[in-house]
Amino acid sequence: MGRLIYSMFTSLDGYASGPDGSSDWGGADADVHTFLSERMRAVGTYLYGRRMYEVMAFWQTAHELPDAPDFVREFAAVWQAADKVVYSTTLTAPTTPRTRVERAFDPAAVRALVAGRDHDVTIDGPTLAAHALRAGLVDEVQPLVAPVAVGGGLRFWPDGLRFDLALADQHRFANGTVWLRYRRVPAA
């Protein structure tokens, strides 16, 4: 049985994207990408909302860039090897292989999907992850905290949700980014 993991960049002040919608401050340098490539080998399925999928679809062809460094080619290969499920009411068809589109987030279907896998599943994007967090489906949260405060934007955590966590692991990068791995603490 796999685990459902919410993982993405967040600013130090808790935003997944800034007021302008950008997350170019994320801190994904070569060291971070190399680390994430290793961590993502255990992930066989990515769950995305449309906007996050459109950002991540870059990795389908990133390895073809003439000047693509080794860490880009490696991350692209890991991303391409996984299945993707995109939750969208507006996307008519996927633009990448190994991808299917679902019209609505169904907690029971996601629970069954994760339980039926022998690999981990990530849910990426704070809007989609809010549904899974509220439904109690998320087993781990793995934020990459960038050393920047953006002052507003799309929050990493949904409002009004109490979610107790226990720190299981951490990794610090030379660029100031910190990866944290928290396990969900079941409600008493």
N, C-alpha and C. Protein backbone atom coordinates (compact mmCIF):
# COMPACT_ATOMS: atom_id res chain seq x y z
N MET A 1 0.84 -1.18 0.00
CA MET A 1 0.00 0.00 0.00
C MET A 1 0.89 1.24 0.00
N GLY A 2 0.58 2.17 -0.86
CA GLY A 2 1.35 3.40 -0.95
C GLY A 2 0.93 4.42 0.10
N ARG A 3 1.66 5.51 0.11
CA ARG A 3 1.33 6.64 0.97
C ARG A 3 0.93 7.80 0.07
N LEU A 4 0.03 8.66 0.56
CA LEU A 4 -0.30 9.90 -0.14
C LEU A 4 0.51 11.01 0.50
N ILE A 5 1.33 11.67 -0.32
CA ILE A 5 2.27 12.68 0.15
C ILE A 5 1.95 14.02 -0.51
N TYR A 6 1.78 15.05 0.32
CA TYR A 6 1.63 16.42 -0.18
C TYR A 6 3.02 17.04 -0.15
N SER A 7 3.54 17.37 -1.33
CA SER A 7 4.90 17.87 -1.42
C SER A 7 4.99 18.96 -2.46
N MET A 8 5.53 20.10 -2.06
CA MET A 8 5.81 21.19 -3.00
C MET A 8 6.57 22.29 -2.29
N PHE A 9 7.01 23.27 -3.06
CA PHE A 9 7.71 24.42 -2.48
C PHE A 9 6.72 25.32 -1.76
N THR A 10 7.21 25.94 -0.70
CA THR A 10 6.48 26.97 0.00
C THR A 10 7.47 28.05 0.42
N SER A 11 7.01 29.27 0.46
CA SER A 11 7.84 30.35 0.98
C SER A 11 7.87 30.22 2.50
N LEU A 12 8.81 30.89 3.12
CA LEU A 12 8.92 30.85 4.57
C LEU A 12 7.65 31.39 5.24
N ASP A 13 6.95 32.31 4.56
CA ASP A 13 5.72 32.83 5.13
C ASP A 13 4.48 32.05 4.69
N GLY A 14 4.67 30.87 4.09
CA GLY A 14 3.57 29.94 3.89
C GLY A 14 2.80 30.03 2.59
N TYR A 15 3.42 30.51 1.52
CA TYR A 15 2.73 30.63 0.24
C TYR A 15 3.36 29.72 -0.82
N ALA A 16 2.51 29.03 -1.57
CA ALA A 16 2.97 28.17 -2.67
C ALA A 16 3.25 28.99 -3.93
N SER A 17 2.60 30.13 -4.04
CA SER A 17 2.91 31.09 -5.09
C SER A 17 2.67 32.48 -4.54
N GLY A 18 3.35 33.46 -5.13
CA GLY A 18 3.26 34.83 -4.65
C GLY A 18 2.03 35.54 -5.17
N PRO A 19 1.90 36.82 -4.85
CA PRO A 19 0.73 37.60 -5.26
C PRO A 19 0.52 37.64 -6.77
N ASP A 20 1.60 37.52 -7.54
CA ASP A 20 1.49 37.55 -8.99
C ASP A 20 1.29 36.15 -9.59
N GLY A 21 1.15 35.12 -8.73
CA GLY A 21 0.97 33.75 -9.20
C GLY A 21 2.27 33.02 -9.47
N SER A 22 3.39 33.71 -9.35
CA SER A 22 4.69 33.13 -9.66
C SER A 22 5.26 32.35 -8.47
N SER A 23 6.01 31.32 -8.79
CA SER A 23 6.77 30.61 -7.76
C SER A 23 8.21 30.44 -8.21
N ASP A 24 8.70 31.40 -9.00
CA ASP A 24 10.07 31.32 -9.52
C ASP A 24 11.12 31.51 -8.43
N TRP A 25 10.69 31.79 -7.23
CA TRP A 25 11.57 31.94 -6.09
C TRP A 25 11.82 30.59 -5.40
N GLY A 26 11.32 29.50 -5.94
CA GLY A 26 11.31 28.20 -5.29
C GLY A 26 12.62 27.61 -4.86
N GLY A 27 13.73 28.00 -5.41
CA GLY A 27 15.01 27.50 -4.93
C GLY A 27 15.40 26.14 -5.46
N ALA A 28 14.91 25.77 -6.64
CA ALA A 28 15.21 24.44 -7.19
C ALA A 28 16.49 24.48 -8.02
N ASP A 29 17.62 24.46 -7.34
CA ASP A 29 18.90 24.42 -8.03
C ASP A 29 19.30 22.97 -8.29
N ALA A 30 20.51 22.75 -8.76
CA ALA A 30 20.97 21.40 -9.10
C ALA A 30 20.93 20.47 -7.90
N ASP A 31 21.35 20.94 -6.73
CA ASP A 31 21.35 20.09 -5.54
C ASP A 31 19.93 19.68 -5.15
N VAL A 32 19.00 20.62 -5.20
CA VAL A 32 17.61 20.33 -4.85
C VAL A 32 17.02 19.33 -5.86
N HIS A 33 17.24 19.56 -7.14
CA HIS A 33 16.72 18.64 -8.16
C HIS A 33 17.30 17.23 -8.01
N THR A 34 18.58 17.13 -7.73
CA THR A 34 19.21 15.82 -7.55
C THR A 34 18.58 15.10 -6.36
N PHE A 35 18.40 15.82 -5.27
CA PHE A 35 17.77 15.25 -4.07
C PHE A 35 16.34 14.80 -4.38
N LEU A 36 15.58 15.66 -5.05
CA LEU A 36 14.19 15.32 -5.38
C LEU A 36 14.10 14.14 -6.34
N SER A 37 15.00 14.05 -7.28
CA SER A 37 15.01 12.90 -8.19
C SER A 37 15.12 11.60 -7.41
N GLU A 38 16.01 11.58 -6.43
CA GLU A 38 16.17 10.38 -5.60
C GLU A 38 14.91 10.10 -4.79
N ARG A 39 14.32 11.13 -4.19
CA ARG A 39 13.11 10.96 -3.37
C ARG A 39 11.93 10.51 -4.23
N MET A 40 11.84 11.02 -5.45
CA MET A 40 10.68 10.75 -6.30
C MET A 40 10.72 9.39 -6.98
N ARG A 41 11.82 8.69 -6.88
CA ARG A 41 11.87 7.34 -7.46
C ARG A 41 10.84 6.41 -6.82
N ALA A 42 10.48 6.67 -5.57
CA ALA A 42 9.48 5.86 -4.86
C ALA A 42 8.05 6.25 -5.22
N VAL A 43 7.91 7.33 -5.99
CA VAL A 43 6.58 7.82 -6.37
C VAL A 43 6.24 7.28 -7.75
N GLY A 44 5.10 6.63 -7.85
CA GLY A 44 4.68 6.09 -9.14
C GLY A 44 3.51 6.82 -9.75
N THR A 45 2.87 7.70 -8.96
CA THR A 45 1.70 8.44 -9.45
C THR A 45 1.71 9.84 -8.86
N TYR A 46 1.47 10.82 -9.74
CA TYR A 46 1.33 12.22 -9.31
C TYR A 46 -0.12 12.64 -9.51
N LEU A 47 -0.72 13.27 -8.50
CA LEU A 47 -2.05 13.85 -8.62
C LEU A 47 -1.88 15.37 -8.71
N TYR A 48 -2.46 15.94 -9.77
CA TYR A 48 -2.31 17.37 -10.03
C TYR A 48 -3.65 18.03 -10.29
N GLY A 49 -3.73 19.30 -9.95
CA GLY A 49 -4.75 20.16 -10.51
C GLY A 49 -4.26 20.63 -11.88
N ARG A 50 -5.13 21.26 -12.65
CA ARG A 50 -4.76 21.66 -14.01
C ARG A 50 -3.55 22.59 -14.05
N ARG A 51 -3.55 23.61 -13.22
CA ARG A 51 -2.45 24.58 -13.27
C ARG A 51 -1.11 23.94 -12.92
N MET A 52 -1.08 23.11 -11.89
CA MET A 52 0.17 22.45 -11.51
C MET A 52 0.61 21.49 -12.61
N TYR A 53 -0.34 20.79 -13.21
CA TYR A 53 -0.01 19.88 -14.31
C TYR A 53 0.61 20.65 -15.47
N GLU A 54 0.04 21.79 -15.81
CA GLU A 54 0.58 22.58 -16.93
C GLU A 54 2.01 23.05 -16.64
N VAL A 55 2.31 23.36 -15.39
CA VAL A 55 3.67 23.73 -15.01
C VAL A 55 4.59 22.51 -15.12
N MET A 56 4.15 21.39 -14.58
CA MET A 56 5.00 20.20 -14.52
C MET A 56 5.15 19.51 -15.88
N ALA A 57 4.26 19.74 -16.81
CA ALA A 57 4.36 19.12 -18.14
C ALA A 57 5.67 19.51 -18.85
N PHE A 58 6.30 20.57 -18.41
CA PHE A 58 7.62 20.96 -18.92
C PHE A 58 8.58 19.78 -18.89
N TRP A 59 8.46 18.92 -17.88
CA TRP A 59 9.41 17.82 -17.69
C TRP A 59 9.26 16.72 -18.72
N GLN A 60 8.20 16.75 -19.50
CA GLN A 60 8.04 15.76 -20.55
C GLN A 60 9.08 15.95 -21.66
N THR A 61 9.49 17.18 -21.88
CA THR A 61 10.45 17.45 -22.95
C THR A 61 11.73 18.14 -22.46
N ALA A 62 11.87 18.36 -21.16
CA ALA A 62 13.03 19.09 -20.62
C ALA A 62 14.35 18.43 -21.00
N HIS A 63 14.36 17.12 -21.10
CA HIS A 63 15.60 16.41 -21.43
C HIS A 63 16.06 16.67 -22.87
N GLU A 64 15.17 17.21 -23.71
CA GLU A 64 15.50 17.48 -25.10
C GLU A 64 16.15 18.84 -25.31
N LEU A 65 16.17 19.67 -24.28
CA LEU A 65 16.81 20.97 -24.42
C LEU A 65 18.29 20.77 -24.73
N PRO A 66 18.83 21.48 -25.70
CA PRO A 66 20.22 21.24 -26.12
C PRO A 66 21.24 21.42 -25.00
N ASP A 67 20.96 22.32 -24.07
CA ASP A 67 21.91 22.58 -22.99
C ASP A 67 21.43 22.03 -21.64
N ALA A 68 20.53 21.05 -21.67
CA ALA A 68 19.98 20.49 -20.43
C ALA A 68 21.08 19.82 -19.61
N PRO A 69 21.29 20.28 -18.39
CA PRO A 69 22.30 19.64 -17.55
C PRO A 69 21.81 18.26 -17.09
N ASP A 70 22.74 17.48 -16.58
CA ASP A 70 22.42 16.11 -16.15
C ASP A 70 21.28 16.08 -15.14
N PHE A 71 21.24 17.02 -14.18
CA PHE A 71 20.20 16.98 -13.16
C PHE A 71 18.81 17.23 -13.76
N VAL A 72 18.73 18.00 -14.83
CA VAL A 72 17.45 18.22 -15.51
C VAL A 72 17.02 16.95 -16.24
N ARG A 73 17.95 16.32 -16.93
CA ARG A 73 17.63 15.07 -17.64
C ARG A 73 17.19 13.99 -16.66
N GLU A 74 17.86 13.93 -15.52
CA GLU A 74 17.51 12.91 -14.52
C GLU A 74 16.12 13.15 -13.94
N PHE A 75 15.82 14.40 -13.55
CA PHE A 75 14.51 14.71 -12.99
C PHE A 75 13.42 14.45 -14.03
N ALA A 76 13.69 14.81 -15.28
CA ALA A 76 12.72 14.57 -16.36
C ALA A 76 12.43 13.08 -16.50
N ALA A 77 13.46 12.25 -16.44
CA ALA A 77 13.27 10.80 -16.58
C ALA A 77 12.42 10.25 -15.44
N VAL A 78 12.65 10.72 -14.22
CA VAL A 78 11.86 10.26 -13.08
C VAL A 78 10.41 10.70 -13.25
N TRP A 79 10.21 11.94 -13.65
CA TRP A 79 8.84 12.46 -13.83
C TRP A 79 8.11 11.70 -14.93
N GLN A 80 8.77 11.45 -16.03
CA GLN A 80 8.14 10.76 -17.17
C GLN A 80 7.76 9.33 -16.82
N ALA A 81 8.48 8.69 -15.92
CA ALA A 81 8.23 7.29 -15.58
C ALA A 81 6.98 7.09 -14.73
N ALA A 82 6.45 8.15 -14.17
CA ALA A 82 5.29 8.04 -13.28
C ALA A 82 3.98 8.28 -14.03
N ASP A 83 2.90 7.73 -13.48
CA ASP A 83 1.56 8.02 -13.98
C ASP A 83 1.13 9.37 -13.41
N LYS A 84 0.24 10.04 -14.14
CA LYS A 84 -0.28 11.33 -13.69
C LYS A 84 -1.80 11.30 -13.79
N VAL A 85 -2.45 11.87 -12.77
CA VAL A 85 -3.90 12.06 -12.78
C VAL A 85 -4.12 13.56 -12.61
N VAL A 86 -4.84 14.17 -13.54
CA VAL A 86 -5.10 15.60 -13.51
C VAL A 86 -6.58 15.82 -13.22
N TYR A 87 -6.87 16.58 -12.18
CA TYR A 87 -8.24 16.91 -11.81
C TYR A 87 -8.57 18.27 -12.40
N SER A 88 -9.48 18.26 -13.37
CA SER A 88 -9.80 19.50 -14.07
C SER A 88 -11.17 19.41 -14.71
N THR A 89 -11.90 20.50 -14.64
CA THR A 89 -13.17 20.58 -15.36
C THR A 89 -12.99 21.27 -16.70
N THR A 90 -11.81 21.81 -16.96
CA THR A 90 -11.58 22.56 -18.20
C THR A 90 -10.61 21.89 -19.17
N LEU A 91 -9.73 21.04 -18.69
CA LEU A 91 -8.76 20.37 -19.56
C LEU A 91 -9.48 19.28 -20.35
N THR A 92 -9.41 19.36 -21.66
CA THR A 92 -10.13 18.39 -22.49
C THR A 92 -9.38 17.08 -22.67
N ALA A 93 -8.04 17.17 -22.72
CA ALA A 93 -7.23 15.96 -22.90
C ALA A 93 -5.83 16.23 -22.35
N PRO A 94 -5.15 15.21 -21.88
CA PRO A 94 -3.78 15.41 -21.39
C PRO A 94 -2.83 15.68 -22.54
N THR A 95 -1.74 16.35 -22.22
CA THR A 95 -0.72 16.66 -23.22
C THR A 95 0.52 15.81 -23.06
N THR A 96 0.50 14.91 -22.09
CA THR A 96 1.65 14.05 -21.82
C THR A 96 1.19 12.60 -21.74
N PRO A 97 2.09 11.66 -22.06
CA PRO A 97 1.77 10.23 -21.90
C PRO A 97 1.57 9.88 -20.43
N ARG A 98 0.99 8.71 -20.21
CA ARG A 98 0.78 8.16 -18.86
C ARG A 98 -0.06 9.09 -18.01
N THR A 99 -0.98 9.82 -18.64
CA THR A 99 -1.77 10.83 -17.95
C THR A 99 -3.24 10.63 -18.27
N ARG A 100 -4.07 10.77 -17.23
CA ARG A 100 -5.52 10.76 -17.45
C ARG A 100 -6.14 11.95 -16.74
N VAL A 101 -7.29 12.38 -17.23
CA VAL A 101 -8.00 13.53 -16.67
C VAL A 101 -9.23 13.02 -15.93
N GLU A 102 -9.42 13.52 -14.71
CA GLU A 102 -10.62 13.26 -13.92
C GLU A 102 -11.34 14.58 -13.74
N ARG A 103 -12.64 14.55 -13.83
CA ARG A 103 -13.42 15.80 -13.74
C ARG A 103 -13.63 16.28 -12.31
N ALA A 104 -13.61 15.38 -11.33
CA ALA A 104 -13.87 15.78 -9.94
C ALA A 104 -12.98 14.98 -9.00
N PHE A 105 -12.62 15.60 -7.89
CA PHE A 105 -11.84 14.93 -6.86
C PHE A 105 -12.79 14.11 -6.00
N ASP A 106 -12.65 12.81 -6.02
CA ASP A 106 -13.49 11.90 -5.25
C ASP A 106 -12.62 11.26 -4.17
N PRO A 107 -12.80 11.64 -2.90
CA PRO A 107 -11.95 11.10 -1.84
C PRO A 107 -11.93 9.57 -1.77
N ALA A 108 -13.07 8.93 -1.97
CA ALA A 108 -13.11 7.46 -1.92
C ALA A 108 -12.26 6.86 -3.05
N ALA A 109 -12.34 7.44 -4.23
CA ALA A 109 -11.56 6.94 -5.36
C ALA A 109 -10.06 7.16 -5.12
N VAL A 110 -9.70 8.29 -4.55
CA VAL A 110 -8.28 8.56 -4.26
C VAL A 110 -7.79 7.61 -3.18
N ARG A 111 -8.59 7.38 -2.16
CA ARG A 111 -8.20 6.44 -1.11
C ARG A 111 -7.95 5.05 -1.71
N ALA A 112 -8.83 4.61 -2.60
CA ALA A 112 -8.67 3.30 -3.26
C ALA A 112 -7.44 3.28 -4.16
N LEU A 113 -7.20 4.37 -4.88
CA LEU A 113 -6.03 4.45 -5.75
C LEU A 113 -4.75 4.28 -4.96
N VAL A 114 -4.63 5.01 -3.85
CA VAL A 114 -3.42 4.95 -3.02
C VAL A 114 -3.28 3.56 -2.39
N ALA A 115 -4.37 3.02 -1.88
CA ALA A 115 -4.35 1.70 -1.23
C ALA A 115 -3.97 0.60 -2.22
N GLY A 116 -4.30 0.78 -3.48
CA GLY A 116 -4.03 -0.23 -4.48
C GLY A 116 -2.66 -0.15 -5.12
N ARG A 117 -1.84 0.77 -4.68
CA ARG A 117 -0.51 0.96 -5.27
C ARG A 117 0.57 0.35 -4.38
N ASP A 118 1.63 -0.11 -5.01
CA ASP A 118 2.79 -0.58 -4.25
C ASP A 118 3.88 0.49 -4.25
N HIS A 119 3.48 1.71 -4.61
CA HIS A 119 4.40 2.85 -4.61
C HIS A 119 3.68 4.04 -4.01
N ASP A 120 4.43 5.09 -3.73
CA ASP A 120 3.83 6.30 -3.17
C ASP A 120 3.13 7.11 -4.25
N VAL A 121 2.23 7.97 -3.78
CA VAL A 121 1.46 8.88 -4.64
C VAL A 121 1.64 10.27 -4.04
N THR A 122 1.93 11.26 -4.91
CA THR A 122 1.99 12.62 -4.41
C THR A 122 0.79 13.40 -4.90
N ILE A 123 0.41 14.37 -4.10
CA ILE A 123 -0.63 15.31 -4.50
C ILE A 123 0.03 16.68 -4.46
N ASP A 124 0.03 17.34 -5.60
CA ASP A 124 0.80 18.56 -5.75
C ASP A 124 -0.11 19.71 -6.15
N GLY A 125 0.08 20.81 -5.47
CA GLY A 125 -0.74 22.00 -5.69
C GLY A 125 -1.64 22.19 -4.48
N PRO A 126 -1.61 23.37 -3.88
CA PRO A 126 -2.34 23.58 -2.63
C PRO A 126 -3.86 23.53 -2.77
N THR A 127 -4.40 23.88 -3.91
CA THR A 127 -5.85 23.85 -4.08
C THR A 127 -6.35 22.41 -4.09
N LEU A 128 -5.69 21.55 -4.87
CA LEU A 128 -6.07 20.14 -4.90
C LEU A 128 -5.74 19.46 -3.57
N ALA A 129 -4.57 19.75 -3.01
CA ALA A 129 -4.18 19.12 -1.75
C ALA A 129 -5.15 19.46 -0.62
N ALA A 130 -5.76 20.64 -0.67
CA ALA A 130 -6.73 21.01 0.38
C ALA A 130 -7.86 20.00 0.46
N HIS A 131 -8.32 19.49 -0.69
CA HIS A 131 -9.38 18.48 -0.68
C HIS A 131 -8.92 17.21 0.04
N ALA A 132 -7.70 16.76 -0.27
CA ALA A 132 -7.17 15.55 0.35
C ALA A 132 -6.88 15.76 1.84
N LEU A 133 -6.35 16.92 2.20
CA LEU A 133 -6.09 17.22 3.60
C LEU A 133 -7.39 17.22 4.40
N ARG A 134 -8.40 17.87 3.88
CA ARG A 134 -9.70 17.94 4.58
C ARG A 134 -10.35 16.57 4.71
N ALA A 135 -10.12 15.70 3.72
CA ALA A 135 -10.70 14.35 3.75
C ALA A 135 -9.86 13.38 4.59
N GLY A 136 -8.74 13.85 5.14
CA GLY A 136 -7.90 12.99 5.97
C GLY A 136 -7.12 11.95 5.19
N LEU A 137 -6.85 12.20 3.92
CA LEU A 137 -6.19 11.22 3.07
C LEU A 137 -4.67 11.32 3.08
N VAL A 138 -4.13 12.45 3.47
CA VAL A 138 -2.69 12.70 3.37
C VAL A 138 -1.95 12.00 4.52
N ASP A 139 -0.97 11.17 4.16
CA ASP A 139 -0.16 10.46 5.14
C ASP A 139 1.07 11.25 5.56
N GLU A 140 1.65 11.98 4.61
CA GLU A 140 2.85 12.77 4.89
C GLU A 140 2.77 14.11 4.19
N VAL A 141 3.41 15.10 4.78
CA VAL A 141 3.58 16.42 4.16
C VAL A 141 5.07 16.65 4.06
N GLN A 142 5.53 16.98 2.84
CA GLN A 142 6.96 17.18 2.60
C GLN A 142 7.20 18.53 1.92
N PRO A 143 7.09 19.60 2.69
CA PRO A 143 7.34 20.92 2.08
C PRO A 143 8.82 21.16 1.85
N LEU A 144 9.09 21.90 0.80
CA LEU A 144 10.42 22.45 0.55
C LEU A 144 10.30 23.93 0.85
N VAL A 145 10.86 24.34 1.95
CA VAL A 145 10.71 25.71 2.42
C VAL A 145 11.85 26.55 1.84
N ALA A 146 11.46 27.50 1.00
CA ALA A 146 12.44 28.39 0.36
C ALA A 146 12.72 29.58 1.28
N PRO A 147 13.94 30.08 1.29
CA PRO A 147 14.32 31.18 2.17
C PRO A 147 13.88 32.53 1.61
N VAL A 148 12.56 32.68 1.50
CA VAL A 148 12.00 33.93 0.98
C VAL A 148 10.62 34.13 1.61
N ALA A 149 10.26 35.38 1.85
CA ALA A 149 8.91 35.74 2.26
C ALA A 149 8.31 36.52 1.10
N VAL A 150 7.14 36.08 0.60
CA VAL A 150 6.56 36.71 -0.58
C VAL A 150 5.39 37.64 -0.25
N GLY A 151 4.92 37.61 0.99
CA GLY A 151 3.95 38.59 1.44
C GLY A 151 2.51 38.36 1.06
N GLY A 152 2.20 37.30 0.37
CA GLY A 152 0.82 37.01 -0.02
C GLY A 152 0.79 36.08 -1.21
N GLY A 153 -0.40 35.66 -1.59
CA GLY A 153 -0.54 34.77 -2.72
C GLY A 153 -1.40 33.56 -2.39
N LEU A 154 -1.09 32.43 -2.99
CA LEU A 154 -1.82 31.19 -2.77
C LEU A 154 -1.16 30.44 -1.62
N ARG A 155 -1.92 30.22 -0.56
CA ARG A 155 -1.37 29.62 0.66
C ARG A 155 -1.06 28.14 0.48
N PHE A 156 0.02 27.67 1.10
CA PHE A 156 0.40 26.26 1.11
C PHE A 156 -0.64 25.44 1.87
N TRP A 157 -1.10 25.94 3.01
CA TRP A 157 -2.08 25.26 3.85
C TRP A 157 -3.47 25.86 3.65
N PRO A 158 -4.51 25.03 3.64
CA PRO A 158 -5.86 25.58 3.56
C PRO A 158 -6.25 26.22 4.89
N ASP A 159 -7.05 27.25 4.83
CA ASP A 159 -7.55 27.90 6.04
C ASP A 159 -8.50 26.97 6.80
N GLY A 160 -8.50 27.12 8.11
CA GLY A 160 -9.46 26.43 8.95
C GLY A 160 -9.21 24.95 9.15
N LEU A 161 -8.01 24.48 8.93
CA LEU A 161 -7.73 23.06 9.05
C LEU A 161 -6.71 22.81 10.16
N ARG A 162 -7.05 21.94 11.09
CA ARG A 162 -6.10 21.50 12.13
C ARG A 162 -5.51 20.18 11.66
N PHE A 163 -4.20 20.11 11.61
CA PHE A 163 -3.52 18.93 11.07
C PHE A 163 -2.27 18.72 11.90
N ASP A 164 -2.28 17.73 12.81
CA ASP A 164 -1.13 17.48 13.67
C ASP A 164 -0.11 16.62 12.94
N LEU A 165 1.17 17.01 13.09
CA LEU A 165 2.25 16.37 12.36
C LEU A 165 3.42 16.05 13.30
N ALA A 166 4.20 15.04 12.92
CA ALA A 166 5.42 14.70 13.65
C ALA A 166 6.58 14.72 12.66
N LEU A 167 7.63 15.45 12.98
CA LEU A 167 8.79 15.55 12.11
C LEU A 167 9.48 14.19 12.01
N ALA A 168 9.65 13.68 10.78
CA ALA A 168 10.27 12.38 10.55
C ALA A 168 11.66 12.50 9.93
N ASP A 169 11.92 13.60 9.20
CA ASP A 169 13.21 13.75 8.52
C ASP A 169 13.34 15.19 8.05
N GLN A 170 14.57 15.58 7.74
CA GLN A 170 14.82 16.91 7.21
C GLN A 170 16.13 16.92 6.45
N HIS A 171 16.25 17.87 5.54
CA HIS A 171 17.49 18.02 4.77
C HIS A 171 17.67 19.50 4.44
N ARG A 172 18.86 20.01 4.68
CA ARG A 172 19.17 21.41 4.39
C ARG A 172 20.06 21.49 3.17
N PHE A 173 19.79 22.48 2.33
CA PHE A 173 20.57 22.69 1.11
C PHE A 173 21.42 23.95 1.27
N ALA A 174 22.51 24.01 0.52
CA ALA A 174 23.42 25.15 0.59
C ALA A 174 22.74 26.46 0.21
N ASN A 175 21.69 26.40 -0.63
CA ASN A 175 21.01 27.62 -1.06
C ASN A 175 20.02 28.15 -0.03
N GLY A 176 19.91 27.47 1.13
CA GLY A 176 19.01 27.92 2.19
C GLY A 176 17.66 27.23 2.20
N THR A 177 17.35 26.46 1.17
CA THR A 177 16.10 25.70 1.13
C THR A 177 16.19 24.56 2.14
N VAL A 178 15.06 24.25 2.76
CA VAL A 178 14.99 23.14 3.71
C VAL A 178 13.85 22.22 3.29
N TRP A 179 14.15 20.92 3.16
CA TRP A 179 13.12 19.91 2.91
C TRP A 179 12.75 19.30 4.26
N LEU A 180 11.47 19.23 4.51
CA LEU A 180 10.96 18.66 5.76
C LEU A 180 10.02 17.51 5.44
N ARG A 181 10.09 16.47 6.22
CA ARG A 181 9.18 15.33 6.06
C ARG A 181 8.42 15.13 7.36
N TYR A 182 7.11 15.34 7.29
CA TYR A 182 6.25 15.17 8.46
C TYR A 182 5.27 14.03 8.22
N ARG A 183 5.08 13.20 9.22
CA ARG A 183 4.02 12.19 9.19
C ARG A 183 2.79 12.74 9.88
N ARG A 184 1.65 12.36 9.38
CA ARG A 184 0.39 12.76 10.00
C ARG A 184 0.25 12.03 11.33
N VAL A 185 -0.16 12.75 12.34
CA VAL A 185 -0.46 12.16 13.64
C VAL A 185 -1.97 11.94 13.67
N PRO A 186 -2.41 10.69 13.76
CA PRO A 186 -3.86 10.44 13.78
C PRO A 186 -4.53 11.13 14.95
N ALA A 187 -5.74 11.61 14.71
CA ALA A 187 -6.51 12.27 15.76
C ALA A 187 -6.79 11.29 16.90
N ALA A 188 -6.71 11.79 18.11
CA ALA A 188 -6.93 10.92 19.29
C ALA A 188 -8.39 10.67 19.52
